[in-house]
C-alpha atoms as a PDB file:
ATOM      1  CA  MET A   1      -0.345  33.809  56.242  1.00  0.00           C
ATOM      2  CA  LYS A   2       2.891  32.453  54.495  1.00  0.00           C
ATOM      3  CA  VAL A   3       2.773  29.914  51.549  1.00  0.00           C
ATOM      4  CA  GLU A   4       5.270  28.854  49.346  1.00  0.00           C
ATOM      5  CA  CYS A   5       6.309  26.285  46.639  1.00  0.00           C
ATOM      6  CA  THR A   6       8.017  23.203  48.070  1.00  0.00           C
ATOM      7  CA  ASP A   7      11.601  22.533  46.035  1.00  0.00           C
ATOM      8  CA  LEU A   8      11.292  22.998  42.709  1.00  0.00           C
ATOM      9  CA  ASP A   9      14.711  21.110  41.712  1.00  0.00           C
ATOM     10  CA  SER A  10      13.182  17.748  41.274  1.00  0.00           C
ATOM     11  CA  LEU A  11      10.055  18.966  39.494  1.00  0.00           C
ATOM     12  CA  VAL A  12       9.273  19.145  35.985  1.00  0.00           C
ATOM     13  CA  VAL A  13       6.327  21.538  35.103  1.00  0.00           C
ATOM     14  CA  ASN A  14       4.611  21.273  31.959  1.00  0.00           C
ATOM     15  CA  LYS A  15       2.239  24.248  31.345  1.00  0.00           C
ATOM     16  CA  LEU A  16      -0.929  23.403  28.856  1.00  0.00           C
ATOM     17  CA  PRO A  17      -2.637  26.076  26.361  1.00  0.00           C
ATOM     18  CA  ASP A  18      -5.610  25.978  28.801  1.00  0.00           C
ATOM     19  CA  GLY A  19      -3.856  26.732  31.278  1.00  0.00           C
ATOM     20  CA  SER A  20      -3.719  23.387  33.206  1.00  0.00           C
ATOM     21  CA  ARG A  21      -0.286  21.649  34.429  1.00  0.00           C
ATOM     22  CA  VAL A  22       1.016  18.862  34.481  1.00  0.00           C
ATOM     23  CA  ILE A  23       3.795  18.458  37.225  1.00  0.00           C
ATOM     24  CA  VAL A  24       6.318  15.188  37.751  1.00  0.00           C
ATOM     25  CA  ASP A  25       7.974  15.050  40.329  1.00  0.00           C
ATOM     26  CA  SER A  26      11.230  12.709  39.788  1.00  0.00           C
ATOM     27  CA  ALA A  27      12.187  12.324  43.387  1.00  0.00           C
ATOM     28  CA  ASN A  28       9.359  10.111  44.506  1.00  0.00           C
ATOM     29  CA  GLN A  29       7.877   9.030  41.077  1.00  0.00           C
ATOM     30  CA  THR A  30       4.496  11.331  41.116  1.00  0.00           C
ATOM     31  CA  VAL A  31       2.699  12.956  38.186  1.00  0.00           C
ATOM     32  CA  PHE A  32       0.125  15.968  39.433  1.00  0.00           C
ATOM     33  CA  ALA A  33      -2.603  17.213  37.130  1.00  0.00           C
ATOM     34  CA  LEU A  34      -3.685  20.330  38.037  1.00  0.00           C
ATOM     35  CA  ASN A  35      -6.567  22.003  36.127  1.00  0.00           C
ATOM     36  CA  ALA A  36      -6.896  25.804  35.147  1.00  0.00           C
ATOM     37  CA  THR A  37      -7.937  27.260  38.905  1.00  0.00           C
ATOM     38  CA  ALA A  38      -4.990  24.859  40.758  1.00  0.00           C
ATOM     39  CA  GLY A  39      -1.910  26.057  38.206  1.00  0.00           C
ATOM     40  CA  ALA A  40      -3.183  29.669  38.683  1.00  0.00           C
ATOM     41  CA  ALA A  41      -2.628  29.494  42.318  1.00  0.00           C
ATOM     42  CA  TRP A  42       0.514  27.529  41.463  1.00  0.00           C
ATOM     43  CA  ASP A  43       1.594  29.821  39.468  1.00  0.00           C
ATOM     44  CA  ALA A  44       1.020  32.747  42.342  1.00  0.00           C
ATOM     45  CA  CYS A  45       2.985  30.928  44.343  1.00  0.00           C
ATOM     46  CA  SER A  46       6.266  31.073  42.770  1.00  0.00           C
ATOM     47  CA  GLY A  47       8.034  32.848  45.674  1.00  0.00           C
ATOM     48  CA  PRO A  48       7.151  33.549  49.566  1.00  0.00           C
ATOM     49  CA  THR A  49       3.529  35.220  49.286  1.00  0.00           C
ATOM     50  CA  THR A  50       0.288  34.924  51.022  1.00  0.00           C
ATOM     51  CA  LEU A  51      -3.198  34.103  50.679  1.00  0.00           C
ATOM     52  CA  ALA A  52      -4.462  37.621  49.682  1.00  0.00           C
ATOM     53  CA  ARG A  53      -1.845  37.917  47.151  1.00  0.00           C
ATOM     54  CA  ILE A  54      -2.240  34.564  45.637  1.00  0.00           C
ATOM     55  CA  THR A  55      -6.372  35.257  45.184  1.00  0.00           C
ATOM     56  CA  ASP A  56      -5.003  39.111  43.782  1.00  0.00           C
ATOM     57  CA  GLU A  57      -2.741  37.351  41.608  1.00  0.00           C
ATOM     58  CA  MET A  58      -5.297  34.563  40.286  1.00  0.00           C
ATOM     59  CA  ARG A  59      -7.995  37.318  39.548  1.00  0.00           C
ATOM     60  CA  ARG A  60      -5.514  38.586  37.324  1.00  0.00           C
ATOM     61  CA  SER A  61      -4.223  36.187  35.838  1.00  0.00           C
ATOM     62  CA  PHE A  62      -7.083  33.345  35.945  1.00  0.00           C
ATOM     63  CA  ASP A  63     -10.454  34.847  36.696  1.00  0.00           C
ATOM     64  CA  PRO A  64     -11.442  37.926  38.092  1.00  0.00           C
ATOM     65  CA  ALA A  65     -13.927  35.934  39.901  1.00  0.00           C
ATOM     66  CA  THR A  66     -12.095  34.069  41.984  1.00  0.00           C
ATOM     67  CA  THR A  67     -12.673  34.001  45.566  1.00  0.00           C
ATOM     68  CA  THR A  68     -10.367  33.807  48.607  1.00  0.00           C
ATOM     69  CA  GLU A  69     -12.636  30.779  49.425  1.00  0.00           C
ATOM     70  CA  ILE A  70     -11.302  28.846  45.862  1.00  0.00           C
ATOM     71  CA  ALA A  71      -7.767  30.332  46.267  1.00  0.00           C
ATOM     72  CA  ARG A  72      -7.776  28.415  50.173  1.00  0.00           C
ATOM     73  CA  GLN A  73      -9.069  25.486  48.602  1.00  0.00           C
ATOM     74  CA  ALA A  74      -6.297  25.122  45.734  1.00  0.00           C
ATOM     75  CA  ILE A  75      -3.577  26.010  48.558  1.00  0.00           C
ATOM     76  CA  LEU A  76      -4.706  22.996  50.622  1.00  0.00           C
ATOM     77  CA  GLN A  77      -4.883  20.683  47.665  1.00  0.00           C
ATOM     78  CA  LEU A  78      -1.448  21.707  46.930  1.00  0.00           C
ATOM     79  CA  GLU A  79      -0.193  21.234  49.709  1.00  0.00           C
ATOM     80  CA  GLU A  80      -1.593  18.250  50.356  1.00  0.00           C
ATOM     81  CA  ASN A  81       0.209  16.820  47.721  1.00  0.00           C
ATOM     82  CA  LYS A  82       3.246  18.972  48.821  1.00  0.00           C
ATOM     83  CA  LEU A  83       3.590  21.076  46.252  1.00  0.00           C
ATOM     84  CA  VAL A  84       3.381  23.862  48.533  1.00  0.00           C
ATOM     85  CA  LYS A  85       4.036  24.635  51.966  1.00  0.00           C
ATOM     86  CA  THR A  86       2.195  26.285  54.970  1.00  0.00           C
ATOM     87  CA  SER A  87       2.593  27.077  58.063  1.00  0.00           C
ATOM     88  CA  GLN A  88       0.749  24.456  60.768  1.00  0.00           C
ATOM     89  CA  THR A  89      -1.758  27.393  62.104  1.00  0.00           C
ATOM     90  CA  THR A  90      -2.072  28.738  58.910  1.00  0.00           C
ATOM     91  CA  ARG A  91      -3.349  25.408  57.608  1.00  0.00           C
ATOM     92  CA  ARG A  92      -5.711  24.857  60.783  1.00  0.00           C
ATOM     93  CA  ARG A  93      -7.012  27.910  59.961  1.00  0.00           C
ATOM     94  CA  LEU A  94      -7.982  27.626  56.296  1.00  0.00           C
ATOM     95  CA  LEU A  95      -9.885  24.112  56.834  1.00  0.00           C
ATOM     96  CA  GLY A  96     -11.653  25.462  59.616  1.00  0.00           C
ATOM     97  CA  SER A  97     -13.041  28.887  57.610  1.00  0.00           C
ATOM     98  CA  LEU A  98     -13.713  26.428  54.716  1.00  0.00           C
ATOM     99  CA  SER A  99     -17.358  26.086  53.697  1.00  0.00           C
ATOM    100  CA  ALA A 100     -18.739  22.900  52.533  1.00  0.00           C
ATOM    101  CA  ALA A 101     -20.087  24.649  49.148  1.00  0.00           C
ATOM    102  CA  VAL A 102     -16.324  24.782  47.634  1.00  0.00           C
ATOM    103  CA  ALA A 103     -15.526  20.976  46.481  1.00  0.00           C
ATOM    104  CA  LEU A 104     -13.856  22.111  43.236  1.00  0.00           C
ATOM    105  CA  PRO A 105     -11.409  18.749  42.610  1.00  0.00           C
ATOM    106  CA  LEU A 106      -7.884  20.757  41.441  1.00  0.00           C
ATOM    107  CA  VAL A 107      -4.726  18.666  42.083  1.00  0.00           C
ATOM    108  CA  VAL A 108      -5.166  14.881  40.891  1.00  0.00           C
ATOM    109  CA  SER A 109      -1.815  12.579  41.750  1.00  0.00           C
ATOM    110  CA  LEU A 110      -0.618   9.409  40.317  1.00  0.00           C
ATOM    111  CA  THR A 111       2.676   7.565  40.690  1.00  0.00           C
ATOM    112  CA  LEU A 112       4.179   6.699  37.337  1.00  0.00           C
ATOM    113  CA  ALA A 113       3.498   2.972  37.827  1.00  0.00           C
ATOM    114  CA  ASP A 114      -0.037   4.179  37.922  1.00  0.00           C
ATOM    115  CA  GLN A 115      -0.183   6.342  35.091  1.00  0.00           C
ATOM    116  CA  ARG A 116       1.454   4.043  32.779  1.00  0.00           C
ATOM    117  CA  ALA A 117      -1.242   1.244  34.245  1.00  0.00           C
ATOM    118  CA  TYR A 118      -4.092   3.556  33.443  1.00  0.00           C
ATOM    119  CA  ALA A 119      -2.399   4.403  30.010  1.00  0.00           C
ATOM    120  CA  TYR A 120      -2.285   0.859  29.220  1.00  0.00           C
ATOM    121  CA  SER A 121      -5.614   0.173  30.302  1.00  0.00           C
ATOM    122  CA  SER A 122      -7.152   2.713  28.349  1.00  0.00           C
ATOM    123  CA  GLY A 123      -5.560   1.448  25.395  1.00  0.00           C
ATOM    124  CA  SER A 124      -3.090   4.476  24.997  1.00  0.00           C
ATOM    125  CA  GLY A 125      -0.119   3.161  26.250  1.00  0.00           C
ATOM    126  CA  LYS A 126       2.105   0.885  24.394  1.00  0.00           C
ATOM    127  CA  GLN A 127       0.769  -2.679  24.411  1.00  0.00           C
ATOM    128  CA  PRO A 128       2.299  -6.257  23.950  1.00  0.00           C
ATOM    129  CA  PRO A 129       1.759  -7.237  20.256  1.00  0.00           C
ATOM    130  CA  LYS A 130      -1.089  -9.656  19.812  1.00  0.00           C
ATOM    131  CA  HIS A 131      -0.322 -13.424  18.728  1.00  0.00           C
ATOM    132  CA  ASN A 132      -1.420 -13.091  15.068  1.00  0.00           C
ATOM    133  CA  PRO A 133      -0.859 -16.249  13.043  1.00  0.00           C
ATOM    134  CA  PRO A 134       1.632 -15.967   9.985  1.00  0.00           C
ATOM    135  CA  PRO A 135       0.172 -15.203   6.546  1.00  0.00           C
ATOM    136  CA  PRO A 136      -0.485 -17.982   4.336  1.00  0.00           C
ATOM    137  CA  PRO A 137       1.816 -18.851   1.671  1.00  0.00           C
ATOM    138  CA  TRP A 138       1.557 -16.989  -1.380  1.00  0.00           C
ATOM    139  CA  TRP A 139       0.524 -20.315  -2.909  1.00  0.00           C
ATOM    140  CA  TRP A 140      -2.113 -20.663  -0.851  1.00  0.00           C
ATOM    141  CA  PRO A 141      -5.949 -20.626  -2.899  1.00  0.00           C
ATOM    142  CA  PHE A 142      -8.259 -18.277  -1.775  1.00  0.00           C
END
């Protein structure tokens, strides 16, 4: 099986201290949040590679207990979000070999508009000023 990253020219990748990644795709204005597991898989796909090599790299750089199943799940989620490419026959084989026990949320994507709306609704975005009445004149009795 061959796995490789998609076009990296339109991506801005920010590695966070906990091993997670924030990837911004300026071409389609999408933000991807990868947890540390998906980040390790992403790093392992820096060039054309195989699932076995990805698993080995994730064990070496992330967690020695990483299984092939976790690496498969990470690759599938990265592929669903168009961050990596695999062959169609490989994808079918990957889907068929996954057990129902592995259901780790690894990759989350939002459009930039969705991200701005979420930031605004959570209070972390720049909010429009609230209408405040003018202060009373300096001579106003308290």
